[in-house]
Amino acid sequence: GYFEQVVKQCRFSSKDLQDIELIDSYVFNKAEYVRFNSTVGKFVGYTEYGVKNAEAWNKGPELAQELGELERFCKQHADLHY
């Protein structure tokens, strides 16, 4: 069988939410093929398939959606972790 997953991480080291970082990793059969990092500000591909996806997603609405996730998901839930 095949296994696909998306791992969403919010990384921060203090209550100051200015340094918070969102990382979304897209994994197929235990191999990460594309990642979004809010610090980099775009998708980056790690395989041939991932590079093609990253190029398309960086030009489409997916990029704006991911940039919004930092505000909607990470910053909104940071207080719960403290």
N, C-alpha and C. Protein backbone atom coordinates (compact mmCIF):
# COMPACT_ATOMS: atom_id res chain seq x y z
N GLY A 1 0.80 -1.17 0.00
CA GLY A 1 0.00 0.00 0.00
C GLY A 1 0.86 1.25 0.00
N TYR A 2 0.18 2.36 -0.08
CA TYR A 2 0.83 3.65 -0.10
C TYR A 2 0.43 4.45 1.14
N PHE A 3 1.32 5.32 1.54
CA PHE A 3 1.10 6.12 2.74
C PHE A 3 1.44 7.57 2.44
N GLU A 4 0.45 8.46 2.59
CA GLU A 4 0.69 9.88 2.39
C GLU A 4 0.23 10.63 3.63
N GLN A 5 1.00 11.62 4.03
CA GLN A 5 0.64 12.42 5.19
C GLN A 5 1.14 13.84 5.04
N VAL A 6 0.50 14.74 5.77
CA VAL A 6 0.95 16.13 5.88
C VAL A 6 1.19 16.38 7.35
N VAL A 7 2.39 16.84 7.68
CA VAL A 7 2.75 17.13 9.07
C VAL A 7 2.84 18.64 9.21
N LYS A 8 2.00 19.20 10.07
CA LYS A 8 1.96 20.65 10.30
C LYS A 8 2.60 20.93 11.65
N GLN A 9 3.61 21.80 11.67
CA GLN A 9 4.32 22.14 12.90
C GLN A 9 4.35 23.64 13.09
N CYS A 10 4.13 24.07 14.31
CA CYS A 10 4.33 25.46 14.69
C CYS A 10 5.49 25.48 15.67
N ARG A 11 6.54 26.15 15.31
CA ARG A 11 7.72 26.20 16.17
C ARG A 11 7.89 27.61 16.73
N PHE A 12 8.07 27.68 18.05
CA PHE A 12 8.33 28.97 18.68
C PHE A 12 9.09 28.72 19.97
N SER A 13 9.87 29.70 20.36
CA SER A 13 10.73 29.53 21.54
C SER A 13 10.35 30.46 22.68
N SER A 14 9.38 31.34 22.47
CA SER A 14 8.97 32.25 23.53
C SER A 14 7.54 32.69 23.28
N LYS A 15 6.97 33.42 24.22
CA LYS A 15 5.62 33.94 24.03
C LYS A 15 5.56 35.05 23.00
N ASP A 16 6.71 35.56 22.62
CA ASP A 16 6.77 36.57 21.57
C ASP A 16 6.44 35.89 20.24
N LEU A 17 5.27 36.15 19.72
CA LEU A 17 4.81 35.44 18.53
C LEU A 17 5.45 35.94 17.24
N GLN A 18 6.35 36.87 17.34
CA GLN A 18 7.04 37.36 16.14
C GLN A 18 8.01 36.31 15.58
N ASP A 19 8.53 35.44 16.43
CA ASP A 19 9.51 34.45 15.96
C ASP A 19 8.88 33.09 15.67
N ILE A 20 7.55 33.02 15.61
CA ILE A 20 6.88 31.75 15.37
C ILE A 20 7.08 31.34 13.91
N GLU A 21 7.19 30.04 13.69
CA GLU A 21 7.48 29.50 12.37
C GLU A 21 6.52 28.35 12.08
N LEU A 22 5.92 28.36 10.90
CA LEU A 22 5.04 27.29 10.44
C LEU A 22 5.79 26.43 9.44
N ILE A 23 5.75 25.13 9.64
CA ILE A 23 6.35 24.19 8.69
C ILE A 23 5.32 23.13 8.35
N ASP A 24 5.02 22.99 7.07
CA ASP A 24 4.15 21.93 6.57
C ASP A 24 4.99 21.01 5.71
N SER A 25 5.07 19.76 6.11
CA SER A 25 5.83 18.76 5.36
C SER A 25 4.87 17.80 4.69
N TYR A 26 5.05 17.56 3.41
CA TYR A 26 4.23 16.64 2.64
C TYR A 26 5.08 15.39 2.38
N VAL A 27 4.57 14.26 2.86
CA VAL A 27 5.35 13.01 2.87
C VAL A 27 4.59 11.93 2.12
N PHE A 28 5.31 11.19 1.28
CA PHE A 28 4.75 10.03 0.59
C PHE A 28 5.67 8.85 0.82
N ASN A 29 5.14 7.79 1.40
CA ASN A 29 5.92 6.59 1.71
C ASN A 29 7.21 6.92 2.47
N LYS A 30 7.07 7.71 3.52
CA LYS A 30 8.15 8.08 4.44
C LYS A 30 9.20 9.00 3.84
N ALA A 31 8.97 9.52 2.64
CA ALA A 31 9.92 10.44 2.01
C ALA A 31 9.25 11.80 1.83
N GLU A 32 9.85 12.82 2.42
CA GLU A 32 9.32 14.17 2.27
C GLU A 32 9.60 14.65 0.85
N TYR A 33 8.53 15.09 0.16
CA TYR A 33 8.73 15.52 -1.22
C TYR A 33 8.55 17.03 -1.40
N VAL A 34 7.84 17.69 -0.49
CA VAL A 34 7.72 19.14 -0.57
C VAL A 34 7.46 19.69 0.84
N ARG A 35 7.93 20.92 1.08
CA ARG A 35 7.77 21.55 2.39
C ARG A 35 7.48 23.02 2.21
N PHE A 36 6.58 23.52 3.07
CA PHE A 36 6.36 24.95 3.18
C PHE A 36 6.97 25.40 4.50
N ASN A 37 7.75 26.46 4.45
CA ASN A 37 8.35 27.03 5.65
C ASN A 37 8.02 28.52 5.62
N SER A 38 7.35 29.00 6.68
CA SER A 38 6.94 30.40 6.69
C SER A 38 8.12 31.36 6.75
N THR A 39 9.25 30.91 7.27
CA THR A 39 10.44 31.75 7.29
C THR A 39 10.98 31.95 5.87
N VAL A 40 10.95 30.89 5.07
CA VAL A 40 11.38 30.97 3.67
C VAL A 40 10.29 31.68 2.85
N GLY A 41 9.02 31.43 3.20
CA GLY A 41 7.91 32.11 2.55
C GLY A 41 7.43 31.47 1.27
N LYS A 42 7.81 30.21 1.05
CA LYS A 42 7.35 29.51 -0.16
C LYS A 42 7.51 28.01 0.02
N PHE A 43 6.96 27.27 -0.94
CA PHE A 43 7.12 25.83 -0.97
C PHE A 43 8.46 25.48 -1.60
N VAL A 44 9.10 24.43 -1.10
CA VAL A 44 10.37 23.95 -1.65
C VAL A 44 10.22 22.46 -1.91
N GLY A 45 10.56 22.01 -3.11
CA GLY A 45 10.47 20.60 -3.46
C GLY A 45 11.78 19.88 -3.23
N TYR A 46 11.68 18.60 -2.84
CA TYR A 46 12.86 17.79 -2.56
C TYR A 46 13.01 16.62 -3.50
N THR A 47 11.99 16.33 -4.30
CA THR A 47 12.06 15.29 -5.31
C THR A 47 11.59 15.91 -6.62
N GLU A 48 11.69 15.17 -7.70
CA GLU A 48 11.23 15.69 -8.99
C GLU A 48 9.74 16.04 -8.92
N TYR A 49 8.96 15.16 -8.34
CA TYR A 49 7.53 15.40 -8.15
C TYR A 49 7.29 16.59 -7.24
N GLY A 50 8.08 16.69 -6.17
CA GLY A 50 7.94 17.79 -5.22
C GLY A 50 8.29 19.13 -5.82
N VAL A 51 9.31 19.17 -6.67
CA VAL A 51 9.71 20.42 -7.33
C VAL A 51 8.59 20.91 -8.24
N LYS A 52 7.97 19.99 -8.97
CA LYS A 52 6.85 20.38 -9.85
C LYS A 52 5.68 20.92 -9.04
N ASN A 53 5.37 20.24 -7.94
CA ASN A 53 4.28 20.72 -7.07
C ASN A 53 4.62 22.07 -6.47
N ALA A 54 5.84 22.23 -5.97
CA ALA A 54 6.24 23.49 -5.34
C ALA A 54 6.14 24.65 -6.33
N GLU A 55 6.59 24.44 -7.56
CA GLU A 55 6.51 25.50 -8.57
C GLU A 55 5.06 25.90 -8.83
N ALA A 56 4.18 24.93 -8.95
CA ALA A 56 2.76 25.22 -9.21
C ALA A 56 2.12 25.88 -8.00
N TRP A 57 2.37 25.37 -6.80
CA TRP A 57 1.76 25.90 -5.58
C TRP A 57 2.25 27.31 -5.27
N ASN A 58 3.50 27.62 -5.61
CA ASN A 58 4.03 28.96 -5.36
C ASN A 58 3.40 30.00 -6.28
N LYS A 59 2.83 29.55 -7.41
CA LYS A 59 2.19 30.46 -8.36
C LYS A 59 0.68 30.54 -8.15
N GLY A 60 0.14 29.62 -7.37
CA GLY A 60 -1.31 29.53 -7.21
C GLY A 60 -1.80 30.01 -5.86
N PRO A 61 -3.07 29.74 -5.59
CA PRO A 61 -3.69 30.19 -4.34
C PRO A 61 -3.17 29.44 -3.11
N GLU A 62 -2.50 28.32 -3.31
CA GLU A 62 -1.97 27.54 -2.19
C GLU A 62 -0.97 28.33 -1.36
N LEU A 63 -0.17 29.18 -2.00
CA LEU A 63 0.83 29.96 -1.27
C LEU A 63 0.15 30.96 -0.32
N ALA A 64 -0.85 31.67 -0.80
CA ALA A 64 -1.56 32.63 0.05
C ALA A 64 -2.25 31.91 1.21
N GLN A 65 -2.78 30.73 0.94
CA GLN A 65 -3.44 29.96 1.99
C GLN A 65 -2.44 29.56 3.08
N GLU A 66 -1.27 29.09 2.68
CA GLU A 66 -0.25 28.70 3.66
C GLU A 66 0.24 29.89 4.47
N LEU A 67 0.43 31.02 3.82
CA LEU A 67 0.87 32.22 4.54
C LEU A 67 -0.17 32.64 5.57
N GLY A 68 -1.44 32.44 5.26
CA GLY A 68 -2.51 32.74 6.20
C GLY A 68 -2.58 31.77 7.35
N GLU A 69 -2.12 30.54 7.16
CA GLU A 69 -2.15 29.53 8.21
C GLU A 69 -1.29 29.93 9.41
N LEU A 70 -0.24 30.67 9.19
CA LEU A 70 0.60 31.13 10.29
C LEU A 70 -0.23 31.94 11.27
N GLU A 71 -1.05 32.83 10.76
CA GLU A 71 -1.93 33.65 11.61
C GLU A 71 -3.09 32.83 12.17
N ARG A 72 -3.76 32.09 11.29
CA ARG A 72 -4.97 31.36 11.68
C ARG A 72 -4.69 30.18 12.61
N PHE A 73 -3.66 29.44 12.33
CA PHE A 73 -3.41 28.19 13.05
C PHE A 73 -2.39 28.36 14.16
N CYS A 74 -1.20 28.80 13.82
CA CYS A 74 -0.12 28.85 14.80
C CYS A 74 -0.34 29.91 15.88
N LYS A 75 -0.52 31.13 15.46
CA LYS A 75 -0.63 32.22 16.44
C LYS A 75 -1.91 32.10 17.25
N GLN A 76 -2.96 31.57 16.64
CA GLN A 76 -4.24 31.43 17.32
C GLN A 76 -4.16 30.40 18.45
N HIS A 77 -3.34 29.36 18.28
CA HIS A 77 -3.28 28.26 19.24
C HIS A 77 -2.02 28.28 20.11
N ALA A 78 -1.17 29.26 19.96
CA ALA A 78 0.09 29.30 20.72
C ALA A 78 -0.17 29.37 22.23
N ASP A 79 -1.18 30.11 22.65
CA ASP A 79 -1.48 30.24 24.08
C ASP A 79 -1.84 28.90 24.70
N LEU A 80 -2.44 28.01 23.94
CA LEU A 80 -2.80 26.69 24.46
C LEU A 80 -1.57 25.88 24.89
N HIS A 81 -0.46 26.13 24.23
CA HIS A 81 0.76 25.38 24.53
C HIS A 81 1.51 25.93 25.74
N TYR A 82 1.14 27.11 26.17
CA TYR A 82 1.72 27.68 27.38
C TYR A 82 0.79 27.42 28.51
